[in-house]
Amino acid sequence: MRVKPLPKKWLIHEIEYEGYTGQKDDWGNDKFEEPITIKYVRFDDSTVFSRDNTQTKVLANAVVFVDVKNSYPIPEFKEQSRVTFNSKEYIVQKVVPCYYPTKNAVHHWELELL
């Protein structure tokens, strides 16, 4: 079974990605790496909810799909990193590697943003 990459014609967006360093500056603000522009990604502005008997939580306001073959460059994605799309800043809440069904290799990444 051959799984094709995400079609490049679907990857119509680009984002600016700033990796979270895990450090704070002198004022207690999070520090980030220098921004890089990742081309050929898919930005979907869709809210991801979690519901239980007592409450509904927003887990993400958007999802970015980053294809291993067509998107570039691909950094080491980290939670708490910053993503900018259309001049709006988001924070990466969850990094989801989506693997090929028959081998231990990432097919694409999904970044859940808040």
N, C-alpha and C. Protein backbone atom coordinates (compact mmCIF):
# COMPACT_ATOMS: atom_id res chain seq x y z
N MET A 1 0.84 -1.18 0.00
CA MET A 1 0.00 0.00 0.00
C MET A 1 0.88 1.25 0.00
N ARG A 2 0.73 2.07 -1.01
CA ARG A 2 1.52 3.29 -1.11
C ARG A 2 0.65 4.47 -0.70
N VAL A 3 1.11 5.23 0.29
CA VAL A 3 0.40 6.42 0.75
C VAL A 3 1.10 7.64 0.17
N LYS A 4 0.37 8.40 -0.62
CA LYS A 4 0.95 9.56 -1.27
C LYS A 4 1.06 10.72 -0.29
N PRO A 5 1.99 11.66 -0.56
CA PRO A 5 2.06 12.86 0.28
C PRO A 5 0.79 13.69 0.14
N LEU A 6 0.61 14.62 1.06
CA LEU A 6 -0.50 15.55 0.90
C LEU A 6 -0.30 16.30 -0.41
N PRO A 7 -1.33 16.42 -1.24
CA PRO A 7 -1.15 17.09 -2.53
C PRO A 7 -0.68 18.53 -2.37
N LYS A 8 0.32 18.89 -3.14
CA LYS A 8 0.90 20.23 -3.03
C LYS A 8 -0.13 21.32 -3.32
N LYS A 9 -1.10 21.03 -4.18
CA LYS A 9 -2.11 22.03 -4.50
C LYS A 9 -3.03 22.31 -3.31
N TRP A 10 -3.03 21.42 -2.30
CA TRP A 10 -3.77 21.69 -1.07
C TRP A 10 -2.97 22.56 -0.11
N LEU A 11 -1.66 22.58 -0.26
CA LEU A 11 -0.76 23.25 0.69
C LEU A 11 -0.53 24.70 0.22
N ILE A 12 -1.55 25.52 0.38
CA ILE A 12 -1.57 26.86 -0.22
C ILE A 12 -1.10 27.96 0.72
N HIS A 13 -0.71 27.60 1.94
CA HIS A 13 -0.35 28.62 2.93
C HIS A 13 1.13 28.54 3.31
N GLU A 14 1.55 29.58 4.01
CA GLU A 14 2.86 29.55 4.67
C GLU A 14 2.69 30.18 6.04
N ILE A 15 3.50 29.70 6.98
CA ILE A 15 3.45 30.19 8.35
C ILE A 15 4.84 30.63 8.79
N GLU A 16 4.87 31.44 9.81
CA GLU A 16 6.13 31.78 10.46
C GLU A 16 6.16 31.00 11.77
N TYR A 17 7.24 30.27 12.00
CA TYR A 17 7.37 29.39 13.16
C TYR A 17 8.54 29.85 14.01
N GLU A 18 8.30 30.02 15.32
CA GLU A 18 9.35 30.38 16.27
C GLU A 18 9.38 29.31 17.35
N GLY A 19 10.42 28.49 17.35
CA GLY A 19 10.54 27.41 18.31
C GLY A 19 10.69 27.91 19.73
N TYR A 20 10.02 27.25 20.65
CA TYR A 20 10.10 27.58 22.07
C TYR A 20 11.42 27.07 22.63
N THR A 21 12.14 27.93 23.35
CA THR A 21 13.45 27.55 23.87
C THR A 21 13.39 26.92 25.26
N GLY A 22 12.27 27.10 25.96
CA GLY A 22 12.17 26.60 27.33
C GLY A 22 12.79 27.55 28.34
N GLN A 23 13.20 28.74 27.90
CA GLN A 23 13.82 29.73 28.77
C GLN A 23 12.94 30.96 28.89
N LYS A 24 13.23 31.77 29.90
CA LYS A 24 12.52 33.03 30.13
C LYS A 24 13.53 34.18 30.01
N ASP A 25 13.03 35.35 29.61
CA ASP A 25 13.89 36.53 29.58
C ASP A 25 13.89 37.18 30.96
N ASP A 26 14.53 38.33 31.09
CA ASP A 26 14.65 39.01 32.39
C ASP A 26 13.31 39.44 32.97
N TRP A 27 12.28 39.55 32.15
CA TRP A 27 10.96 39.98 32.60
C TRP A 27 10.00 38.80 32.77
N GLY A 28 10.50 37.58 32.61
CA GLY A 28 9.68 36.40 32.81
C GLY A 28 8.89 35.96 31.59
N ASN A 29 9.17 36.56 30.44
CA ASN A 29 8.49 36.18 29.20
C ASN A 29 9.20 35.00 28.55
N ASP A 30 8.44 34.16 27.86
CA ASP A 30 9.03 33.03 27.14
C ASP A 30 9.97 33.52 26.05
N LYS A 31 11.06 32.77 25.85
CA LYS A 31 12.01 33.08 24.77
C LYS A 31 11.79 32.11 23.62
N PHE A 32 11.95 32.64 22.39
CA PHE A 32 11.74 31.84 21.19
C PHE A 32 12.96 31.94 20.29
N GLU A 33 13.12 30.92 19.44
CA GLU A 33 14.20 30.93 18.45
C GLU A 33 13.86 31.95 17.36
N GLU A 34 14.83 32.22 16.51
CA GLU A 34 14.59 33.12 15.39
C GLU A 34 13.49 32.54 14.50
N PRO A 35 12.59 33.39 13.99
CA PRO A 35 11.50 32.87 13.17
C PRO A 35 11.98 32.32 11.83
N ILE A 36 11.30 31.26 11.38
CA ILE A 36 11.54 30.71 10.05
C ILE A 36 10.20 30.64 9.33
N THR A 37 10.22 30.80 8.04
CA THR A 37 9.00 30.69 7.24
C THR A 37 8.91 29.28 6.67
N ILE A 38 7.81 28.60 6.99
CA ILE A 38 7.57 27.26 6.46
C ILE A 38 6.56 27.40 5.32
N LYS A 39 6.96 26.96 4.16
CA LYS A 39 6.11 27.08 2.97
C LYS A 39 5.39 25.77 2.69
N TYR A 40 4.31 25.90 1.94
CA TYR A 40 3.50 24.75 1.51
C TYR A 40 2.94 23.96 2.69
N VAL A 41 2.15 24.66 3.50
CA VAL A 41 1.42 24.04 4.60
C VAL A 41 -0.07 24.30 4.39
N ARG A 42 -0.89 23.66 5.19
CA ARG A 42 -2.33 23.89 5.14
C ARG A 42 -2.77 24.41 6.49
N PHE A 43 -3.34 25.61 6.53
CA PHE A 43 -3.84 26.22 7.76
C PHE A 43 -5.35 26.12 7.75
N ASP A 44 -5.91 25.39 8.69
CA ASP A 44 -7.37 25.27 8.81
C ASP A 44 -7.81 25.93 10.10
N ASP A 45 -8.60 26.97 9.95
CA ASP A 45 -9.12 27.73 11.08
C ASP A 45 -10.36 27.03 11.61
N SER A 46 -10.14 25.97 12.37
CA SER A 46 -11.26 25.19 12.90
C SER A 46 -11.02 24.90 14.37
N THR A 47 -12.06 25.05 15.16
CA THR A 47 -11.95 24.88 16.60
C THR A 47 -12.08 23.41 16.97
N VAL A 48 -11.19 22.95 17.87
CA VAL A 48 -11.23 21.58 18.38
C VAL A 48 -11.69 21.66 19.83
N PHE A 49 -12.80 20.96 20.14
CA PHE A 49 -13.39 20.99 21.48
C PHE A 49 -13.17 19.67 22.20
N SER A 50 -13.26 19.74 23.54
CA SER A 50 -13.33 18.56 24.39
C SER A 50 -14.52 18.77 25.31
N ARG A 51 -15.42 17.79 25.35
CA ARG A 51 -16.62 17.91 26.18
C ARG A 51 -16.69 16.76 27.17
N ASP A 52 -17.20 17.08 28.36
CA ASP A 52 -17.55 16.03 29.31
C ASP A 52 -18.89 16.41 29.92
N ASN A 53 -19.28 15.77 31.01
CA ASN A 53 -20.60 16.02 31.61
C ASN A 53 -20.75 17.41 32.19
N THR A 54 -19.64 18.05 32.55
CA THR A 54 -19.75 19.33 33.26
C THR A 54 -19.25 20.54 32.47
N GLN A 55 -18.42 20.32 31.44
CA GLN A 55 -17.86 21.49 30.76
C GLN A 55 -17.43 21.18 29.33
N THR A 56 -17.25 22.26 28.58
CA THR A 56 -16.71 22.18 27.23
C THR A 56 -15.45 23.04 27.20
N LYS A 57 -14.36 22.46 26.72
CA LYS A 57 -13.08 23.18 26.65
C LYS A 57 -12.67 23.32 25.19
N VAL A 58 -12.07 24.46 24.88
CA VAL A 58 -11.47 24.66 23.56
C VAL A 58 -10.04 24.16 23.64
N LEU A 59 -9.70 23.14 22.85
CA LEU A 59 -8.35 22.59 22.84
C LEU A 59 -7.47 23.28 21.81
N ALA A 60 -8.10 23.73 20.70
CA ALA A 60 -7.33 24.39 19.64
C ALA A 60 -8.27 25.27 18.83
N ASN A 61 -7.72 26.38 18.31
CA ASN A 61 -8.47 27.28 17.45
C ASN A 61 -8.16 27.07 15.98
N ALA A 62 -7.08 26.35 15.70
CA ALA A 62 -6.67 26.11 14.32
C ALA A 62 -5.77 24.89 14.29
N VAL A 63 -5.65 24.31 13.09
CA VAL A 63 -4.75 23.17 12.87
C VAL A 63 -3.92 23.46 11.63
N VAL A 64 -2.61 23.22 11.73
CA VAL A 64 -1.72 23.36 10.59
C VAL A 64 -1.22 21.97 10.19
N PHE A 65 -1.33 21.66 8.90
CA PHE A 65 -0.84 20.40 8.36
C PHE A 65 0.49 20.68 7.65
N VAL A 66 1.54 19.97 8.06
CA VAL A 66 2.87 20.13 7.48
C VAL A 66 3.27 18.79 6.87
N ASP A 67 3.41 18.75 5.56
CA ASP A 67 3.73 17.52 4.85
C ASP A 67 5.23 17.28 4.84
N VAL A 68 5.64 16.04 5.10
CA VAL A 68 7.07 15.72 5.15
C VAL A 68 7.75 15.92 3.79
N LYS A 69 7.04 15.64 2.70
CA LYS A 69 7.66 15.73 1.38
C LYS A 69 7.58 17.14 0.78
N ASN A 70 6.42 17.80 0.87
CA ASN A 70 6.21 19.05 0.15
C ASN A 70 6.45 20.33 0.95
N SER A 71 6.31 20.28 2.26
CA SER A 71 6.52 21.47 3.08
C SER A 71 8.01 21.63 3.38
N TYR A 72 8.46 22.88 3.48
CA TYR A 72 9.87 23.11 3.84
C TYR A 72 10.07 24.52 4.35
N PRO A 73 11.08 24.71 5.18
CA PRO A 73 11.84 23.70 5.90
C PRO A 73 10.99 23.11 7.02
N ILE A 74 11.40 21.95 7.52
CA ILE A 74 10.67 21.31 8.61
C ILE A 74 11.57 21.28 9.84
N PRO A 75 11.27 22.13 10.83
CA PRO A 75 12.08 22.13 12.05
C PRO A 75 11.63 21.01 12.99
N GLU A 76 12.27 20.90 14.11
CA GLU A 76 11.81 19.99 15.16
C GLU A 76 10.69 20.73 15.89
N PHE A 77 9.44 20.31 15.67
CA PHE A 77 8.30 21.00 16.26
C PHE A 77 8.24 20.76 17.75
N LYS A 78 7.90 21.84 18.50
CA LYS A 78 7.82 21.77 19.96
C LYS A 78 6.53 22.45 20.41
N GLU A 79 5.91 21.88 21.44
CA GLU A 79 4.77 22.54 22.05
C GLU A 79 5.23 23.84 22.70
N GLN A 80 4.32 24.80 22.79
CA GLN A 80 4.54 26.13 23.33
C GLN A 80 5.30 27.05 22.35
N SER A 81 5.59 26.56 21.16
CA SER A 81 6.21 27.41 20.14
C SER A 81 5.17 28.38 19.60
N ARG A 82 5.64 29.39 18.89
CA ARG A 82 4.75 30.42 18.37
C ARG A 82 4.63 30.28 16.85
N VAL A 83 3.40 30.40 16.34
CA VAL A 83 3.12 30.36 14.91
C VAL A 83 2.38 31.65 14.55
N THR A 84 2.81 32.29 13.47
CA THR A 84 2.11 33.47 12.98
C THR A 84 1.55 33.15 11.60
N PHE A 85 0.25 33.45 11.43
CA PHE A 85 -0.42 33.27 10.15
C PHE A 85 -1.33 34.47 9.93
N ASN A 86 -1.19 35.12 8.79
CA ASN A 86 -1.98 36.32 8.47
C ASN A 86 -1.93 37.34 9.60
N SER A 87 -0.73 37.58 10.11
CA SER A 87 -0.47 38.58 11.17
C SER A 87 -1.11 38.25 12.52
N LYS A 88 -1.61 37.03 12.69
CA LYS A 88 -2.18 36.62 13.97
C LYS A 88 -1.28 35.57 14.59
N GLU A 89 -0.97 35.75 15.88
CA GLU A 89 -0.09 34.82 16.59
C GLU A 89 -0.89 33.73 17.30
N TYR A 90 -0.36 32.53 17.25
CA TYR A 90 -0.93 31.37 17.92
C TYR A 90 0.18 30.67 18.70
N ILE A 91 -0.21 29.85 19.66
CA ILE A 91 0.74 29.03 20.41
C ILE A 91 0.43 27.56 20.10
N VAL A 92 1.47 26.78 19.84
CA VAL A 92 1.31 25.36 19.56
C VAL A 92 0.94 24.65 20.86
N GLN A 93 -0.25 24.06 20.89
CA GLN A 93 -0.72 23.33 22.06
C GLN A 93 -0.36 21.86 22.00
N LYS A 94 -0.36 21.31 20.77
CA LYS A 94 -0.09 19.88 20.61
C LYS A 94 0.56 19.64 19.26
N VAL A 95 1.59 18.80 19.26
CA VAL A 95 2.28 18.39 18.04
C VAL A 95 1.92 16.93 17.80
N VAL A 96 1.27 16.65 16.66
CA VAL A 96 0.81 15.29 16.37
C VAL A 96 1.55 14.76 15.14
N PRO A 97 2.48 13.81 15.34
CA PRO A 97 3.09 13.17 14.18
C PRO A 97 2.15 12.10 13.64
N CYS A 98 1.85 12.16 12.36
CA CYS A 98 0.96 11.17 11.72
C CYS A 98 1.82 10.25 10.87
N TYR A 99 1.90 8.99 11.26
CA TYR A 99 2.81 8.03 10.65
C TYR A 99 2.17 7.32 9.46
N TYR A 100 3.02 6.83 8.57
CA TYR A 100 2.56 5.93 7.50
C TYR A 100 1.95 4.70 8.15
N PRO A 101 0.97 4.08 7.51
CA PRO A 101 0.34 2.91 8.14
C PRO A 101 1.23 1.68 8.19
N THR A 102 2.24 1.58 7.32
CA THR A 102 3.03 0.35 7.25
C THR A 102 4.50 0.52 7.60
N LYS A 103 4.92 1.73 8.00
CA LYS A 103 6.32 1.91 8.40
C LYS A 103 6.43 2.98 9.47
N ASN A 104 7.53 2.93 10.18
CA ASN A 104 7.76 3.83 11.30
C ASN A 104 8.42 5.12 10.81
N ALA A 105 7.68 5.88 10.01
CA ALA A 105 8.15 7.17 9.49
C ALA A 105 6.97 8.13 9.45
N VAL A 106 7.24 9.39 9.72
CA VAL A 106 6.18 10.40 9.75
C VAL A 106 5.75 10.74 8.32
N HIS A 107 4.45 10.72 8.10
CA HIS A 107 3.86 11.11 6.81
C HIS A 107 3.62 12.62 6.78
N HIS A 108 3.02 13.15 7.86
CA HIS A 108 2.81 14.59 7.99
C HIS A 108 2.65 14.92 9.47
N TRP A 109 2.73 16.19 9.78
CA TRP A 109 2.58 16.70 11.14
C TRP A 109 1.27 17.49 11.20
N GLU A 110 0.62 17.42 12.35
CA GLU A 110 -0.52 18.28 12.62
C GLU A 110 -0.18 19.10 13.86
N LEU A 111 -0.25 20.41 13.73
CA LEU A 111 0.03 21.32 14.84
C LEU A 111 -1.30 21.92 15.30
N GLU A 112 -1.70 21.63 16.51
CA GLU A 112 -2.92 22.20 17.06
C GLU A 112 -2.57 23.51 17.75
N LEU A 113 -3.22 24.60 17.32
CA LEU A 113 -2.87 25.94 17.78
C LEU A 113 -3.98 26.56 18.61
N LEU A 114 -3.57 27.35 19.59
CA LEU A 114 -4.51 28.09 20.42
C LEU A 114 -4.15 29.55 20.39
